[in-house]
Amino acid sequence: MYDAAGLRANTLDDLMRLAIERLISTGACLSASKGPMRELTGVLVELTNPRARLSRTETRGKPFSCLGQLCWYLARVNDVGFISYYLPKHKEDAEDGSLFGGYGPRLFDWNGVNQVSEVTSLLRERPTSRRAVIQVYDRGDIIGGHKDVACTCTLQFMIRDGRLHMLVAMRSNDIFLGLPHDFFCFTMLQEIVANDLGVELGSYKHVVGSLHLYDKDTDQAREFLAEGFQSTKSPMPEMPRGDPWPSVKILLEAESAFRSQPVPPSFRYERLHEYWADLVRLLEVYRYWKEDDARGMESVLRGISSPIYRAFIEKKISDLGGRNSLLQGGGPLTL
C-alpha cells in the first residue's frame, strides 16, 4: 500500500530523479482535491550539499522564481501581488490580496515573534540546543476553509560538529512544482542562519507526510528524467562569511525596485559582495525578461561573477528570442 522511503543525494537534480522514479514506479494512486496523483508517505529526503539547490535541467531550472519566492519570505509579507510577479499561479489562491499561508510573516513576525531571530539567539547561547524549532503550520490552519494553507509544519536547526544542520517537516509536498522552490528557500535560510552564527553549513533533511506527483505533471516529469544526469560540480558559490542581514536588506531593496518601479533602476553593484550582487543581477535579468528586453539581459549577463548563473540567463535570452519570433510570425505562443 503506502511505503515509507528514504532518499539521499548530493544535488537537487539527483534527489528529484530518485523521487520521481520511485513515485512513478511504486507510488500509490490517489484522487485528491487538486486531481489524481501518485503518492509516497513518510518520506525522508536528504540533500548532503545544500548549495546544490538549483536544478541544472531545462525542465526544472527555476532560479528566478526560486529567488523571488525567497525574497517574498525574507520581506515578511504575504502580499499576492509580490509573489505572483514570479509565480502567477498563486493568484488563484488569493484572499483579499494576500495568501493566508504565506511563510514570511510566520517566520519573522508570528504574533509579534521573529522566530528566525529567536532560534538564532538560542543557538548562539546554547549551540547544542534541540529547541531551535520554528513553527509554520498552526492549529488554526485546519479550520476555516482557506484556499492556501501552509504545507510546511516546522523548521528545526541543530549545530553538530561545528555545522548547522536543518530538518524541515512537511505535511504535503508536490515533487515537481513545489519541492524545487522549497529546497532553494529553506537551504538559503539555513545558510543565512549558519553565517549569522559563524558556523559551517551542514546537511539538509526534508521529511514529508505526503510526497506526490500529479497525473497532469507526469509527462513533464518524464521529460525531466529524459534529460539525463546533470553535473554534480556546479553548486551555488559559498555565501560570504559574516553577518548576512545587511546584504539581505540591500537585496530586498533591489528586488522591490526592479519589481515595482516603472523604469528599471540603475543599481550600484559595488555596494555588495559579488555573491549578493549576482543575486541582484538575477532579479534585474528577470525584470528585463518580463519587458522583452534582450539587450538589457545581455548587459547584465556581462557582469555576472559566478558561471553557474550564466546558463540560466542565456536560456532566458534564447527563450525570449524564440518567443518574439513566434509573435512576429503570427504563430502560436506557448510559455
C-alpha atoms as a PDB file:
ATOM      1  CA  MET A   1       0.000   0.000   0.000  1.00  0.00           C
ATOM      2  CA  TYR A   2       1.953   3.056   1.262  1.00  0.00           C
ATOM      3  CA  ASP A   3       5.709   2.631   1.677  1.00  0.00           C
ATOM      4  CA  ALA A   4       7.961   4.958   3.635  1.00  0.00           C
ATOM      5  CA  ALA A   5      11.042   5.883   1.660  1.00  0.00           C
ATOM      6  CA  GLY A   6      14.479   7.311   2.319  1.00  0.00           C
ATOM      7  CA  LEU A   7      16.201   9.263  -0.437  1.00  0.00           C
ATOM      8  CA  ARG A   8      19.693  10.772  -0.192  1.00  0.00           C
ATOM      9  CA  ALA A   9      21.793  12.571  -2.802  1.00  0.00           C
ATOM     10  CA  ASN A  10      24.328  15.332  -3.282  1.00  0.00           C
ATOM     11  CA  THR A  11      22.277  17.558  -5.604  1.00  0.00           C
ATOM     12  CA  LEU A  12      18.682  18.628  -6.059  1.00  0.00           C
ATOM     13  CA  ASP A  13      18.546  17.034  -9.513  1.00  0.00           C
ATOM     14  CA  ASP A  14      19.760  13.678  -8.196  1.00  0.00           C
ATOM     15  CA  LEU A  15      17.164  13.771  -5.424  1.00  0.00           C
ATOM     16  CA  MET A  16      14.347  14.693  -7.778  1.00  0.00           C
ATOM     17  CA  ARG A  17      15.340  11.927 -10.150  1.00  0.00           C
ATOM     18  CA  LEU A  18      15.271   9.340  -7.376  1.00  0.00           C
ATOM     19  CA  ALA A  19      11.954  10.606  -6.025  1.00  0.00           C
ATOM     20  CA  ILE A  20      10.186  10.881  -9.376  1.00  0.00           C
ATOM     21  CA  GLU A  21      11.325   7.422 -10.471  1.00  0.00           C
ATOM     22  CA  ARG A  22      10.065   5.940  -7.197  1.00  0.00           C
ATOM     23  CA  LEU A  23       6.753   7.796  -7.402  1.00  0.00           C
ATOM     24  CA  ILE A  24       6.131   6.643 -10.964  1.00  0.00           C
ATOM     25  CA  SER A  25       7.100   3.041 -10.272  1.00  0.00           C
ATOM     26  CA  THR A  26       5.734   2.410  -6.779  1.00  0.00           C
ATOM     27  CA  GLY A  27       3.616   5.411  -5.771  1.00  0.00           C
ATOM     28  CA  ALA A  28       0.058   4.672  -4.686  1.00  0.00           C
ATOM     29  CA  CYS A  29      -2.685   6.109  -6.892  1.00  0.00           C
ATOM     30  CA  LEU A  30      -4.887   8.600  -5.089  1.00  0.00           C
ATOM     31  CA  SER A  31      -7.674  11.023  -6.025  1.00  0.00           C
ATOM     32  CA  ALA A  32      -7.061  14.330  -4.220  1.00  0.00           C
ATOM     33  CA  SER A  33      -8.728  17.751  -4.206  1.00  0.00           C
ATOM     34  CA  LYS A  34      -6.376  19.017  -6.928  1.00  0.00           C
ATOM     35  CA  GLY A  35      -6.644  15.924  -9.098  1.00  0.00           C
ATOM     36  CA  PRO A  36      -5.377  12.335  -9.356  1.00  0.00           C
ATOM     37  CA  MET A  37      -1.811  11.695  -8.277  1.00  0.00           C
ATOM     38  CA  ARG A  38       0.750   9.151  -7.184  1.00  0.00           C
ATOM     39  CA  GLU A  39       1.900   9.336  -3.578  1.00  0.00           C
ATOM     40  CA  LEU A  40       4.571   8.129  -1.170  1.00  0.00           C
ATOM     41  CA  THR A  41       4.064   8.704   2.533  1.00  0.00           C
ATOM     42  CA  GLY A  42       6.552   9.171   5.347  1.00  0.00           C
ATOM     43  CA  VAL A  43       9.457  10.127   3.102  1.00  0.00           C
ATOM     44  CA  LEU A  44      12.848  11.326   4.362  1.00  0.00           C
ATOM     45  CA  VAL A  45      14.801  13.229   1.726  1.00  0.00           C
ATOM     46  CA  GLU A  46      18.371  14.379   2.409  1.00  0.00           C
ATOM     47  CA  LEU A  47      20.426  16.869   0.413  1.00  0.00           C
ATOM     48  CA  THR A  48      24.008  16.362   1.544  1.00  0.00           C
ATOM     49  CA  ASN A  49      25.233  19.522  -0.226  1.00  0.00           C
ATOM     50  CA  PRO A  50      22.614  22.232   0.399  1.00  0.00           C
ATOM     51  CA  ARG A  51      24.383  24.616  -2.001  1.00  0.00           C
ATOM     52  CA  ALA A  52      23.495  22.257  -4.859  1.00  0.00           C
ATOM     53  CA  ARG A  53      19.981  23.650  -4.503  1.00  0.00           C
ATOM     54  CA  LEU A  54      19.354  24.669  -8.109  1.00  0.00           C
ATOM     55  CA  SER A  55      18.218  22.262 -10.809  1.00  0.00           C
ATOM     56  CA  ARG A  56      20.510  22.292 -13.838  1.00  0.00           C
ATOM     57  CA  THR A  57      17.833  20.933 -16.171  1.00  0.00           C
ATOM     58  CA  GLU A  58      15.770  22.621 -18.866  1.00  0.00           C
ATOM     59  CA  THR A  59      12.583  21.472 -17.139  1.00  0.00           C
ATOM     60  CA  ARG A  60      13.175  22.459 -13.504  1.00  0.00           C
ATOM     61  CA  GLY A  61      15.893  25.134 -13.708  1.00  0.00           C
ATOM     62  CA  LYS A  62      13.956  27.892 -11.903  1.00  0.00           C
ATOM     63  CA  PRO A  63      16.461  30.289 -10.290  1.00  0.00           C
ATOM     64  CA  PHE A  64      14.370  33.394 -10.929  1.00  0.00           C
ATOM     65  CA  SER A  65      11.114  32.221  -9.355  1.00  0.00           C
ATOM     66  CA  CYS A  66      13.032  30.467  -6.554  1.00  0.00           C
ATOM     67  CA  LEU A  67      14.887  33.671  -5.726  1.00  0.00           C
ATOM     68  CA  GLY A  68      11.665  35.672  -5.984  1.00  0.00           C
ATOM     69  CA  GLN A  69       9.957  33.345  -3.519  1.00  0.00           C
ATOM     70  CA  LEU A  70      12.896  33.590  -1.129  1.00  0.00           C
ATOM     71  CA  CYS A  71      12.698  37.397  -1.246  1.00  0.00           C
ATOM     72  CA  TRP A  72       8.967  37.175  -0.582  1.00  0.00           C
ATOM     73  CA  TYR A  73       9.714  35.191   2.586  1.00  0.00           C
ATOM     74  CA  LEU A  74      12.528  37.485   3.684  1.00  0.00           C
ATOM     75  CA  ALA A  75      10.365  40.570   3.096  1.00  0.00           C
ATOM     76  CA  ARG A  76       8.000  39.218   5.788  1.00  0.00           C
ATOM     77  CA  VAL A  77       4.835  39.755   3.751  1.00  0.00           C
ATOM     78  CA  ASN A  78       2.076  37.585   2.301  1.00  0.00           C
ATOM     79  CA  ASP A  79       1.069  40.019  -0.451  1.00  0.00           C
ATOM     80  CA  VAL A  80      -0.045  38.031  -3.506  1.00  0.00           C
ATOM     81  CA  GLY A  81       0.971  40.822  -5.888  1.00  0.00           C
ATOM     82  CA  PHE A  82       4.588  40.301  -4.828  1.00  0.00           C
ATOM     83  CA  ILE A  83       4.776  36.536  -5.304  1.00  0.00           C
ATOM     84  CA  SER A  84       2.551  36.411  -8.404  1.00  0.00           C
ATOM     85  CA  TYR A  85       5.122  38.591 -10.201  1.00  0.00           C
ATOM     86  CA  TYR A  86       7.308  35.465 -10.136  1.00  0.00           C
ATOM     87  CA  LEU A  87       4.682  32.731  -9.789  1.00  0.00           C
ATOM     88  CA  PRO A  88       1.394  33.907 -11.362  1.00  0.00           C
ATOM     89  CA  LYS A  89      -0.469  30.744 -10.359  1.00  0.00           C
ATOM     90  CA  HIS A  90      -0.618  31.992  -6.772  1.00  0.00           C
ATOM     91  CA  LYS A  91      -3.286  34.483  -7.820  1.00  0.00           C
ATOM     92  CA  GLU A  92      -5.750  31.590  -7.805  1.00  0.00           C
ATOM     93  CA  ASP A  93      -5.345  31.177  -4.031  1.00  0.00           C
ATOM     94  CA  ALA A  94      -5.521  34.849  -3.057  1.00  0.00           C
ATOM     95  CA  GLU A  95      -7.928  36.085  -0.392  1.00  0.00           C
ATOM     96  CA  ASP A  96      -8.293  39.875  -0.195  1.00  0.00           C
ATOM     97  CA  GLY A  97      -4.961  40.390  -1.937  1.00  0.00           C
ATOM     98  CA  SER A  98      -2.920  38.051   0.235  1.00  0.00           C
ATOM     99  CA  LEU A  99      -2.117  34.387   0.761  1.00  0.00           C
ATOM    100  CA  PHE A 100      -3.320  33.068   4.087  1.00  0.00           C
ATOM    101  CA  GLY A 101      -0.492  30.521   4.256  1.00  0.00           C
ATOM    102  CA  GLY A 102       2.313  32.962   3.355  1.00  0.00           C
ATOM    103  CA  TYR A 103       5.524  31.963   5.133  1.00  0.00           C
ATOM    104  CA  GLY A 104       7.178  35.360   5.585  1.00  0.00           C
ATOM    105  CA  PRO A 105       5.025  36.632   8.466  1.00  0.00           C
ATOM    106  CA  ARG A 106       5.022  33.195  10.062  1.00  0.00           C
ATOM    107  CA  LEU A 107       8.827  33.036  10.047  1.00  0.00           C
ATOM    108  CA  PHE A 108       9.594  36.604  11.016  1.00  0.00           C
ATOM    109  CA  ASP A 109       6.503  38.027  12.740  1.00  0.00           C
ATOM    110  CA  TRP A 110       4.451  35.228  14.245  1.00  0.00           C
ATOM    111  CA  ASN A 111       2.157  37.008  16.692  1.00  0.00           C
ATOM    112  CA  GLY A 112       4.929  39.535  17.255  1.00  0.00           C
ATOM    113  CA  VAL A 113       7.726  36.947  17.479  1.00  0.00           C
ATOM    114  CA  ASN A 114      10.597  36.837  14.976  1.00  0.00           C
ATOM    115  CA  GLN A 115      11.140  33.090  15.069  1.00  0.00           C
ATOM    116  CA  VAL A 116      14.268  33.192  12.894  1.00  0.00           C
ATOM    117  CA  SER A 117      15.900  35.697  15.227  1.00  0.00           C
ATOM    118  CA  GLU A 118      14.844  33.734  18.301  1.00  0.00           C
ATOM    119  CA  VAL A 119      16.273  30.399  17.157  1.00  0.00           C
ATOM    120  CA  THR A 120      19.487  32.126  16.104  1.00  0.00           C
ATOM    121  CA  SER A 121      19.821  33.714  19.550  1.00  0.00           C
ATOM    122  CA  LEU A 122      19.064  30.381  21.208  1.00  0.00           C
ATOM    123  CA  LEU A 123      21.766  28.562  19.247  1.00  0.00           C
ATOM    124  CA  ARG A 124      24.263  31.333  19.869  1.00  0.00           C
ATOM    125  CA  GLU A 125      23.696  30.948  23.602  1.00  0.00           C
ATOM    126  CA  ARG A 126      23.298  27.148  23.625  1.00  0.00           C
ATOM    127  CA  PRO A 127      24.889  25.622  20.496  1.00  0.00           C
ATOM    128  CA  THR A 128      23.748  22.050  21.265  1.00  0.00           C
ATOM    129  CA  SER A 129      20.115  23.013  21.883  1.00  0.00           C
ATOM    130  CA  ARG A 130      17.369  20.819  20.474  1.00  0.00           C
ATOM    131  CA  ARG A 131      14.766  23.555  20.909  1.00  0.00           C
ATOM    132  CA  ALA A 132      15.653  25.685  17.884  1.00  0.00           C
ATOM    133  CA  VAL A 133      12.375  24.944  16.116  1.00  0.00           C
ATOM    134  CA  ILE A 134      10.296  27.320  14.017  1.00  0.00           C
ATOM    135  CA  GLN A 135       6.578  26.579  13.781  1.00  0.00           C
ATOM    136  CA  VAL A 136       4.921  27.311  10.433  1.00  0.00           C
ATOM    137  CA  TYR A 137       1.737  25.233  10.378  1.00  0.00           C
ATOM    138  CA  ASP A 138      -0.686  26.458  13.024  1.00  0.00           C
ATOM    139  CA  ARG A 139      -3.638  24.799  14.699  1.00  0.00           C
ATOM    140  CA  GLY A 140      -5.878  27.387  13.035  1.00  0.00           C
ATOM    141  CA  ASP A 141      -4.840  26.066   9.621  1.00  0.00           C
ATOM    142  CA  ILE A 142      -7.086  23.019   9.969  1.00  0.00           C
ATOM    143  CA  ILE A 143     -10.207  25.163  10.109  1.00  0.00           C
ATOM    144  CA  GLY A 144     -11.669  27.973   8.061  1.00  0.00           C
ATOM    145  CA  GLY A 145     -11.554  26.542   4.554  1.00  0.00           C
ATOM    146  CA  HIS A 146      -8.755  28.801   3.303  1.00  0.00           C
ATOM    147  CA  LYS A 147      -7.565  28.388  -0.284  1.00  0.00           C
ATOM    148  CA  ASP A 148      -3.896  28.484   0.703  1.00  0.00           C
ATOM    149  CA  VAL A 149      -2.666  26.622   3.773  1.00  0.00           C
ATOM    150  CA  ALA A 150       0.963  26.191   4.768  1.00  0.00           C
ATOM    151  CA  CYS A 151       2.469  22.889   3.605  1.00  0.00           C
ATOM    152  CA  THR A 152       5.417  23.216   5.990  1.00  0.00           C
ATOM    153  CA  CYS A 153       4.971  22.228   9.623  1.00  0.00           C
ATOM    154  CA  THR A 154       8.304  23.017  11.289  1.00  0.00           C
ATOM    155  CA  LEU A 155      11.906  24.005  10.620  1.00  0.00           C
ATOM    156  CA  GLN A 156      14.498  22.705  13.084  1.00  0.00           C
ATOM    157  CA  PHE A 157      18.099  23.912  13.285  1.00  0.00           C
ATOM    158  CA  MET A 158      20.824  21.895  15.030  1.00  0.00           C
ATOM    159  CA  ILE A 159      24.545  22.575  15.418  1.00  0.00           C
ATOM    160  CA  ARG A 160      26.602  19.413  15.486  1.00  0.00           C
ATOM    161  CA  ASP A 161      30.380  19.183  14.959  1.00  0.00           C
ATOM    162  CA  GLY A 162      30.514  22.864  14.086  1.00  0.00           C
ATOM    163  CA  ARG A 163      27.931  22.609  11.313  1.00  0.00           C
ATOM    164  CA  LEU A 164      24.361  23.864  11.134  1.00  0.00           C
ATOM    165  CA  HIS A 165      22.037  21.079  10.049  1.00  0.00           C
ATOM    166  CA  MET A 166      18.408  21.661   9.166  1.00  0.00           C
ATOM    167  CA  LEU A 167      15.385  19.388   9.340  1.00  0.00           C
ATOM    168  CA  VAL A 168      12.148  20.540   7.711  1.00  0.00           C
ATOM    169  CA  ALA A 169       8.870  18.704   8.325  1.00  0.00           C
ATOM    170  CA  MET A 170       6.230  18.966   5.594  1.00  0.00           C
ATOM    171  CA  ARG A 171       2.659  17.737   5.748  1.00  0.00           C
ATOM    172  CA  SER A 172       2.486  17.688   1.928  1.00  0.00           C
ATOM    173  CA  ASN A 173       4.900  18.295  -0.962  1.00  0.00           C
ATOM    174  CA  ASP A 174       4.447  18.373  -4.724  1.00  0.00           C
ATOM    175  CA  ILE A 175       7.665  16.851  -6.058  1.00  0.00           C
ATOM    176  CA  PHE A 176       7.533  18.596  -9.420  1.00  0.00           C
ATOM    177  CA  LEU A 177       6.221  22.099  -8.732  1.00  0.00           C
ATOM    178  CA  GLY A 178       6.774  22.727  -5.038  1.00  0.00           C
ATOM    179  CA  LEU A 179       9.872  20.860  -3.934  1.00  0.00           C
ATOM    180  CA  PRO A 180      12.459  22.757  -6.062  1.00  0.00           C
ATOM    181  CA  HIS A 181      11.271  26.060  -4.588  1.00  0.00           C
ATOM    182  CA  ASP A 182      11.093  24.670  -1.050  1.00  0.00           C
ATOM    183  CA  PHE A 183      14.624  23.280  -1.179  1.00  0.00           C
ATOM    184  CA  PHE A 184      16.011  26.537  -2.539  1.00  0.00           C
ATOM    185  CA  CYS A 185      14.296  28.792   0.003  1.00  0.00           C
ATOM    186  CA  PHE A 186      14.917  26.638   3.057  1.00  0.00           C
ATOM    187  CA  THR A 187      18.576  25.853   2.302  1.00  0.00           C
ATOM    188  CA  MET A 188      19.212  29.536   1.620  1.00  0.00           C
ATOM    189  CA  LEU A 189      17.667  30.336   5.001  1.00  0.00           C
ATOM    190  CA  GLN A 190      19.829  27.597   6.501  1.00  0.00           C
ATOM    191  CA  GLU A 191      22.971  29.179   5.061  1.00  0.00           C
ATOM    192  CA  ILE A 192      21.913  32.664   6.175  1.00  0.00           C
ATOM    193  CA  VAL A 193      21.441  31.431   9.749  1.00  0.00           C
ATOM    194  CA  ALA A 194      24.724  29.466   9.631  1.00  0.00           C
ATOM    195  CA  ASN A 195      26.604  32.614   8.605  1.00  0.00           C
ATOM    196  CA  ASP A 196      24.851  34.656  11.256  1.00  0.00           C
ATOM    197  CA  LEU A 197      26.040  32.092  13.813  1.00  0.00           C
ATOM    198  CA  GLY A 198      29.530  31.821  12.318  1.00  0.00           C
ATOM    199  CA  VAL A 199      29.365  28.054  11.745  1.00  0.00           C
ATOM    200  CA  GLU A 200      29.760  25.840   8.708  1.00  0.00           C
ATOM    201  CA  LEU A 201      26.825  24.647   6.607  1.00  0.00           C
ATOM    202  CA  GLY A 202      25.658  21.125   7.369  1.00  0.00           C
ATOM    203  CA  SER A 203      23.218  18.781   5.634  1.00  0.00           C
ATOM    204  CA  TYR A 204      19.581  19.439   4.813  1.00  0.00           C
ATOM    205  CA  LYS A 205      16.876  16.894   5.640  1.00  0.00           C
ATOM    206  CA  HIS A 206      13.276  17.133   4.468  1.00  0.00           C
ATOM    207  CA  VAL A 207      10.569  14.897   5.961  1.00  0.00           C
ATOM    208  CA  VAL A 208       7.303  14.699   4.016  1.00  0.00           C
ATOM    209  CA  GLY A 209       3.993  13.195   5.086  1.00  0.00           C
ATOM    210  CA  SER A 210       2.674  13.067   1.518  1.00  0.00           C
ATOM    211  CA  LEU A 211       5.184  13.323  -1.325  1.00  0.00           C
ATOM    212  CA  HIS A 212       3.242  13.275  -4.566  1.00  0.00           C
ATOM    213  CA  LEU A 213       3.261  13.745  -8.326  1.00  0.00           C
ATOM    214  CA  TYR A 214       0.039  14.840 -10.002  1.00  0.00           C
ATOM    215  CA  ASP A 215      -1.001  12.948 -13.118  1.00  0.00           C
ATOM    216  CA  LYS A 216      -1.195  16.234 -15.045  1.00  0.00           C
ATOM    217  CA  ASP A 217       2.545  16.751 -14.455  1.00  0.00           C
ATOM    218  CA  THR A 218       3.687  13.205 -15.174  1.00  0.00           C
ATOM    219  CA  ASP A 219       4.592  13.809 -18.824  1.00  0.00           C
ATOM    220  CA  GLN A 220       6.754  16.784 -17.867  1.00  0.00           C
ATOM    221  CA  ALA A 221       8.307  14.737 -15.075  1.00  0.00           C
ATOM    222  CA  ARG A 222       9.245  12.082 -17.622  1.00  0.00           C
ATOM    223  CA  GLU A 223      10.824  14.814 -19.744  1.00  0.00           C
ATOM    224  CA  PHE A 224      12.876  15.786 -16.697  1.00  0.00           C
ATOM    225  CA  LEU A 225      14.072  12.195 -16.358  1.00  0.00           C
ATOM    226  CA  ALA A 226      14.848  12.021 -20.082  1.00  0.00           C
ATOM    227  CA  GLU A 227      17.305  14.912 -19.777  1.00  0.00           C
ATOM    228  CA  GLY A 228      19.720  12.537 -18.075  1.00  0.00           C
ATOM    229  CA  PHE A 229      22.065  13.092 -15.153  1.00  0.00           C
ATOM    230  CA  GLN A 230      23.266  16.629 -14.574  1.00  0.00           C
ATOM    231  CA  SER A 231      26.620  17.902 -13.390  1.00  0.00           C
ATOM    232  CA  THR A 232      27.289  17.479  -9.673  1.00  0.00           C
ATOM    233  CA  LYS A 233      30.129  20.036  -9.769  1.00  0.00           C
ATOM    234  CA  SER A 234      28.138  23.251 -10.065  1.00  0.00           C
ATOM    235  CA  PRO A 235      26.617  24.185  -6.717  1.00  0.00           C
ATOM    236  CA  MET A 236      25.927  27.797  -5.873  1.00  0.00           C
ATOM    237  CA  PRO A 237      29.000  29.576  -4.510  1.00  0.00           C
ATOM    238  CA  GLU A 238      29.549  29.785  -0.780  1.00  0.00           C
ATOM    239  CA  MET A 239      27.832  32.700   0.924  1.00  0.00           C
ATOM    240  CA  PRO A 240      30.423  35.211   2.177  1.00  0.00           C
ATOM    241  CA  ARG A 241      31.228  34.933   5.861  1.00  0.00           C
ATOM    242  CA  GLY A 242      29.930  37.444   8.359  1.00  0.00           C
ATOM    243  CA  ASP A 243      26.555  38.954   9.238  1.00  0.00           C
ATOM    244  CA  PRO A 244      24.339  38.327   6.165  1.00  0.00           C
ATOM    245  CA  TRP A 245      21.420  40.558   7.156  1.00  0.00           C
ATOM    246  CA  PRO A 246      22.764  43.914   5.869  1.00  0.00           C
ATOM    247  CA  SER A 247      23.222  42.289   2.440  1.00  0.00           C
ATOM    248  CA  VAL A 248      19.764  40.723   2.658  1.00  0.00           C
ATOM    249  CA  LYS A 249      18.350  44.189   3.313  1.00  0.00           C
ATOM    250  CA  ILE A 250      20.001  45.583   0.159  1.00  0.00           C
ATOM    251  CA  LEU A 251      18.853  42.537  -1.845  1.00  0.00           C
ATOM    252  CA  LEU A 252      15.260  43.189  -0.793  1.00  0.00           C
ATOM    253  CA  GLU A 253      15.528  46.893  -1.620  1.00  0.00           C
ATOM    254  CA  ALA A 254      16.773  45.981  -5.096  1.00  0.00           C
ATOM    255  CA  GLU A 255      14.044  43.361  -5.568  1.00  0.00           C
ATOM    256  CA  SER A 256      11.337  45.861  -4.689  1.00  0.00           C
ATOM    257  CA  ALA A 257      12.772  48.433  -7.088  1.00  0.00           C
ATOM    258  CA  PHE A 258      13.097  46.020 -10.022  1.00  0.00           C
ATOM    259  CA  ARG A 259       9.613  44.640  -9.450  1.00  0.00           C
ATOM    260  CA  SER A 260       7.673  47.827  -8.816  1.00  0.00           C
ATOM    261  CA  GLN A 261       9.379  50.870 -10.332  1.00  0.00           C
ATOM    262  CA  PRO A 262       8.108  51.875 -13.797  1.00  0.00           C
ATOM    263  CA  VAL A 263      11.671  52.292 -15.116  1.00  0.00           C
ATOM    264  CA  PRO A 264      14.353  49.737 -14.185  1.00  0.00           C
ATOM    265  CA  PRO A 265      16.650  51.432 -11.647  1.00  0.00           C
ATOM    266  CA  SER A 266      20.395  51.704 -12.039  1.00  0.00           C
ATOM    267  CA  PHE A 267      21.809  49.559  -9.248  1.00  0.00           C
ATOM    268  CA  ARG A 268      25.246  50.252  -7.765  1.00  0.00           C
ATOM    269  CA  TYR A 269      26.643  46.727  -7.637  1.00  0.00           C
ATOM    270  CA  GLU A 270      29.842  47.825  -5.916  1.00  0.00           C
ATOM    271  CA  ARG A 271      27.776  48.114  -2.719  1.00  0.00           C
ATOM    272  CA  LEU A 272      27.672  44.335  -2.401  1.00  0.00           C
ATOM    273  CA  HIS A 273      29.954  41.332  -2.305  1.00  0.00           C
ATOM    274  CA  GLU A 274      29.870  39.604  -5.696  1.00  0.00           C
ATOM    275  CA  TYR A 275      27.817  36.738  -4.201  1.00  0.00           C
ATOM    276  CA  TRP A 276      24.927  39.036  -3.316  1.00  0.00           C
ATOM    277  CA  ALA A 277      25.477  41.212  -6.399  1.00  0.00           C
ATOM    278  CA  ASP A 278      24.881  38.179  -8.612  1.00  0.00           C
ATOM    279  CA  LEU A 279      21.540  37.538  -6.908  1.00  0.00           C
ATOM    280  CA  VAL A 280      20.542  41.137  -7.577  1.00  0.00           C
ATOM    281  CA  ARG A 281      21.595  40.673 -11.197  1.00  0.00           C
ATOM    282  CA  LEU A 282      19.259  37.689 -11.493  1.00  0.00           C
ATOM    283  CA  LEU A 283      16.407  39.899 -10.336  1.00  0.00           C
ATOM    284  CA  GLU A 284      17.398  42.535 -12.892  1.00  0.00           C
ATOM    285  CA  VAL A 285      17.509  39.921 -15.662  1.00  0.00           C
ATOM    286  CA  TYR A 286      14.019  38.804 -14.735  1.00  0.00           C
ATOM    287  CA  ARG A 287      12.739  42.380 -14.955  1.00  0.00           C
ATOM    288  CA  TYR A 288      14.211  42.740 -18.443  1.00  0.00           C
ATOM    289  CA  TRP A 289      12.769  39.358 -19.446  1.00  0.00           C
ATOM    290  CA  LYS A 290       9.319  40.473 -18.360  1.00  0.00           C
ATOM    291  CA  GLU A 291       9.757  43.510 -20.620  1.00  0.00           C
ATOM    292  CA  ASP A 292      11.106  41.538 -23.624  1.00  0.00           C
ATOM    293  CA  ASP A 293      14.390  43.438 -23.367  1.00  0.00           C
ATOM    294  CA  ALA A 294      17.117  41.120 -24.627  1.00  0.00           C
ATOM    295  CA  ARG A 295      19.738  43.884 -24.699  1.00  0.00           C
ATOM    296  CA  GLY A 296      19.119  44.650 -21.051  1.00  0.00           C
ATOM    297  CA  MET A 297      19.524  40.958 -20.198  1.00  0.00           C
ATOM    298  CA  GLU A 298      22.741  40.737 -22.201  1.00  0.00           C
ATOM    299  CA  SER A 299      24.173  43.772 -20.421  1.00  0.00           C
ATOM    300  CA  VAL A 300      23.517  42.171 -17.040  1.00  0.00           C
ATOM    301  CA  LEU A 301      24.981  38.863 -18.204  1.00  0.00           C
ATOM    302  CA  ARG A 302      28.316  40.579 -18.872  1.00  0.00           C
ATOM    303  CA  GLY A 303      28.573  41.488 -15.192  1.00  0.00           C
ATOM    304  CA  ILE A 304      27.771  38.062 -13.723  1.00  0.00           C
ATOM    305  CA  SER A 305      30.562  36.750 -11.497  1.00  0.00           C
ATOM    306  CA  SER A 306      29.544  33.130 -10.913  1.00  0.00           C
ATOM    307  CA  PRO A 307      29.439  30.888 -14.012  1.00  0.00           C
ATOM    308  CA  ILE A 308      26.586  28.805 -12.564  1.00  0.00           C
ATOM    309  CA  TYR A 309      24.108  31.571 -13.401  1.00  0.00           C
ATOM    310  CA  ARG A 310      25.250  32.179 -16.969  1.00  0.00           C
ATOM    311  CA  ALA A 311      23.423  29.184 -18.431  1.00  0.00           C
ATOM    312  CA  PHE A 312      20.151  30.256 -16.825  1.00  0.00           C
ATOM    313  CA  ILE A 313      20.435  33.788 -18.192  1.00  0.00           C
ATOM    314  CA  GLU A 314      21.486  32.611 -21.642  1.00  0.00           C
ATOM    315  CA  LYS A 315      18.452  30.335 -21.731  1.00  0.00           C
ATOM    316  CA  LYS A 316      16.184  33.276 -20.830  1.00  0.00           C
ATOM    317  CA  ILE A 317      17.694  35.297 -23.664  1.00  0.00           C
ATOM    318  CA  SER A 318      17.237  32.361 -26.050  1.00  0.00           C
ATOM    319  CA  ASP A 319      13.646  31.822 -24.903  1.00  0.00           C
ATOM    320  CA  LEU A 320      12.943  35.499 -25.445  1.00  0.00           C
ATOM    321  CA  GLY A 321      14.280  35.312 -28.986  1.00  0.00           C
ATOM    322  CA  GLY A 322      12.062  32.333 -29.751  1.00  0.00           C
ATOM    323  CA  ARG A 323       9.067  33.994 -28.169  1.00  0.00           C
ATOM    324  CA  ASN A 324       9.494  37.156 -30.215  1.00  0.00           C
ATOM    325  CA  SER A 325       9.974  35.165 -33.421  1.00  0.00           C
ATOM    326  CA  LEU A 326       6.652  33.425 -32.851  1.00  0.00           C
ATOM    327  CA  LEU A 327       4.923  36.711 -32.166  1.00  0.00           C
ATOM    328  CA  GLN A 328       6.344  38.344 -35.284  1.00  0.00           C
ATOM    329  CA  GLY A 329       5.417  35.335 -37.382  1.00  0.00           C
ATOM    330  CA  GLY A 330       1.894  35.165 -36.015  1.00  0.00           C
ATOM    331  CA  GLY A 331       2.384  31.586 -34.836  1.00  0.00           C
ATOM    332  CA  PRO A 332       1.049  30.059 -31.627  1.00  0.00           C
ATOM    333  CA  LEU A 333       2.747  31.169 -28.430  1.00  0.00           C
ATOM    334  CA  THR A 334       3.326  28.756 -25.571  1.00  0.00           C
ATOM    335  CA  LEU A 335       5.225  29.872 -22.488  1.00  0.00           C
END
